[in-house]
Amino acid sequence: MTQAPFLRLCITLSLVFLLGACASSGDSPTGTPSEVQEIQSQLLGDMPLPAASKMIGSDSLIIGRGDNWVGRVVLSGVQTPTDIYAFFQAEYPKAGWTTVSAVKSKTSILVFTKGDRTSTVEVGEGSFTGPKTIITITASPKNANVIAPSKK
């Protein structure tokens, strides 16, 4: 009888470790924190990122690199969504980005422009077993020559 609770505890702990390993695996850049930061800055250029955030490569699509990339990058953050939101509000303007819109909610949205580029930052809660925060940054040219369909 005393072995049953111990066995359940061992199984539960094994599952927790297994799920934790699955949640932390991914294809983000690896290396020392400064090496990871260097790779991310080479890819994303003039867009500051929260400390210790890591790119989730399988969810990202980056075309180009440096200050002219377009696409979507998804990051995992170790800070709370509120702290990440505050980071973007404070740091993007320091890097020359102008805030166009900022909405703070369960899923927060910030829109910035710089020169002929626009960037939308979405900040949301992470999963129970994964990162605290999921950050999605979308970058594109500001005037992408979008033509509305005409009614005939």
Protein backbone atom coordinates (compact mmCIF):
# COMPACT_ATOMS: atom_id res chain seq x y z
CA MET A 1 0.00 0.00 0.00
CA THR A 2 2.76 2.48 0.77
CA GLN A 3 4.35 1.90 -2.63
CA ALA A 4 1.29 3.13 -4.57
CA PRO A 5 1.57 6.83 -3.51
CA PHE A 6 5.33 6.73 -4.15
CA LEU A 7 4.79 5.19 -7.59
CA ARG A 8 2.16 7.84 -8.48
CA LEU A 9 4.56 10.57 -7.35
CA CYS A 10 7.36 9.14 -9.51
CA ILE A 11 5.08 8.91 -12.56
CA THR A 12 3.81 12.45 -12.01
CA LEU A 13 7.33 13.86 -11.66
CA SER A 14 8.46 11.98 -14.77
CA LEU A 15 5.58 13.45 -16.78
CA VAL A 16 6.33 16.95 -15.51
CA PHE A 17 9.99 16.67 -16.55
CA LEU A 18 9.04 15.19 -19.92
CA LEU A 19 6.54 17.98 -20.63
CA GLY A 20 9.05 20.59 -19.50
CA ALA A 21 11.65 19.20 -21.87
CA CYS A 22 9.17 19.26 -24.76
CA ALA A 23 8.13 22.82 -23.97
CA SER A 24 11.70 24.09 -23.86
CA SER A 25 12.90 22.39 -27.03
CA GLY A 26 12.94 24.45 -30.18
CA ASP A 27 15.12 25.77 -32.91
CA SER A 28 16.12 29.12 -31.52
CA PRO A 29 19.75 30.18 -31.82
CA THR A 30 21.99 28.46 -29.29
CA GLY A 31 25.14 29.57 -27.51
CA THR A 32 25.96 31.99 -24.75
CA PRO A 33 23.39 34.74 -24.06
CA SER A 34 25.61 37.31 -25.78
CA GLU A 35 26.03 35.05 -28.85
CA VAL A 36 22.25 34.53 -29.08
CA GLN A 37 21.70 38.29 -28.75
CA GLU A 38 24.25 38.93 -31.52
CA ILE A 39 22.56 36.47 -33.91
CA GLN A 40 19.12 37.94 -33.19
CA SER A 41 20.39 41.50 -33.71
CA GLN A 42 22.00 40.49 -37.03
CA LEU A 43 18.63 39.10 -38.14
CA LEU A 44 16.40 41.85 -36.73
CA GLY A 45 18.65 44.88 -36.91
CA ASP A 46 17.45 47.98 -35.07
CA MET A 47 14.68 46.28 -33.11
CA PRO A 48 15.60 45.95 -29.43
CA LEU A 49 14.53 42.70 -27.77
CA PRO A 50 13.79 41.99 -24.11
CA ALA A 51 16.64 40.39 -22.17
CA ALA A 52 16.81 36.58 -22.40
CA SER A 53 14.08 36.40 -25.05
CA LYS A 54 14.60 33.59 -27.54
CA MET A 55 13.41 33.23 -31.08
CA ILE A 56 11.00 30.39 -31.87
CA GLY A 57 12.24 29.58 -35.34
CA SER A 58 9.47 27.16 -36.26
CA ASP A 59 6.86 29.92 -35.83
CA SER A 60 8.92 32.70 -37.44
CA LEU A 61 9.31 33.79 -41.06
CA ILE A 62 12.10 36.27 -41.68
CA ILE A 63 12.84 37.49 -45.20
CA GLY A 64 16.03 39.49 -45.41
CA ARG A 65 18.04 40.60 -42.43
CA GLY A 66 19.24 43.59 -40.50
CA ASP A 67 17.29 46.83 -40.70
CA ASN A 68 15.30 45.79 -43.79
CA TRP A 69 13.85 42.41 -42.88
CA VAL A 70 10.14 41.71 -43.40
CA GLY A 71 7.98 38.95 -41.98
CA ARG A 72 7.15 37.65 -38.54
CA VAL A 73 9.33 36.66 -35.63
CA VAL A 74 7.95 34.86 -32.59
CA LEU A 75 9.87 35.06 -29.33
CA SER A 76 9.53 33.48 -25.92
CA GLY A 77 10.03 35.87 -23.03
CA VAL A 78 10.99 35.21 -19.42
CA GLN A 79 9.43 38.42 -18.05
CA THR A 80 5.72 38.96 -17.46
CA PRO A 81 3.56 40.31 -20.30
CA THR A 82 3.27 43.63 -18.43
CA ASP A 83 7.06 43.95 -18.15
CA ILE A 84 7.52 43.03 -21.83
CA TYR A 85 4.88 45.60 -22.87
CA ALA A 86 6.66 48.27 -20.80
CA PHE A 87 9.98 47.29 -22.40
CA PHE A 88 8.68 47.87 -25.93
CA GLN A 89 7.01 51.16 -24.95
CA ALA A 90 10.27 52.43 -23.49
CA GLU A 91 12.95 50.94 -25.76
CA TYR A 92 11.54 51.22 -29.29
CA PRO A 93 11.30 55.04 -29.18
CA LYS A 94 14.92 55.12 -27.93
CA ALA A 95 15.87 53.17 -31.08
CA GLY A 96 14.12 55.74 -33.30
CA TRP A 97 10.73 54.05 -33.63
CA THR A 98 7.59 56.21 -33.29
CA THR A 99 4.62 54.78 -31.41
CA VAL A 100 1.50 54.87 -33.58
CA SER A 101 -0.81 52.87 -31.34
CA ALA A 102 -0.60 51.00 -28.04
CA VAL A 103 -3.36 48.86 -26.53
CA LYS A 104 -2.75 47.12 -23.20
CA SER A 105 -4.98 44.11 -22.58
CA LYS A 106 -4.72 40.35 -22.14
CA THR A 107 -3.15 40.33 -25.61
CA SER A 108 -1.48 43.71 -26.02
CA ILE A 109 -0.73 45.30 -29.39
CA LEU A 110 1.82 48.03 -30.11
CA VAL A 111 2.35 49.59 -33.55
CA PHE A 112 5.53 51.49 -34.42
CA THR A 113 6.92 53.20 -37.52
CA LYS A 114 10.44 54.17 -38.50
CA GLY A 115 11.22 55.67 -41.87
CA ASP A 116 9.40 53.60 -44.47
CA ARG A 117 8.86 50.63 -42.14
CA THR A 118 6.14 49.60 -39.74
CA SER A 119 6.30 47.08 -36.94
CA THR A 120 3.48 45.51 -34.97
CA VAL A 121 4.30 43.91 -31.62
CA GLU A 122 1.83 41.50 -30.03
CA VAL A 123 2.44 40.53 -26.40
CA GLY A 124 0.47 37.69 -24.84
CA GLU A 125 0.62 35.23 -21.99
CA GLY A 126 2.63 32.06 -22.46
CA SER A 127 1.50 28.57 -21.60
CA PHE A 128 1.48 26.94 -18.18
CA THR A 129 4.53 24.79 -18.94
CA GLY A 130 6.23 27.10 -21.43
CA PRO A 131 7.54 30.66 -21.45
CA LYS A 132 5.88 33.41 -19.40
CA THR A 133 5.26 35.54 -22.48
CA ILE A 134 4.90 35.04 -26.22
CA ILE A 135 5.97 38.00 -28.34
CA THR A 136 5.11 38.27 -32.04
CA ILE A 137 6.79 41.02 -34.06
CA THR A 138 5.62 41.65 -37.62
CA ALA A 139 7.62 43.99 -39.83
CA SER A 140 6.81 45.30 -43.30
CA PRO A 141 7.18 48.34 -45.53
CA LYS A 142 4.86 51.15 -44.41
CA ASN A 143 3.35 51.76 -47.84
CA ALA A 144 3.07 48.34 -49.44
CA ASN A 145 1.03 49.58 -52.44
CA VAL A 146 -2.08 47.76 -51.34
CA ILE A 147 -4.88 48.41 -53.81
CA ALA A 148 -8.43 47.86 -52.66
CA PRO A 149 -10.54 45.78 -55.03
CA SER A 150 -12.98 47.86 -57.04
CA LYS A 151 -16.66 47.01 -57.27
CA LYS A 152 -17.92 46.54 -60.81
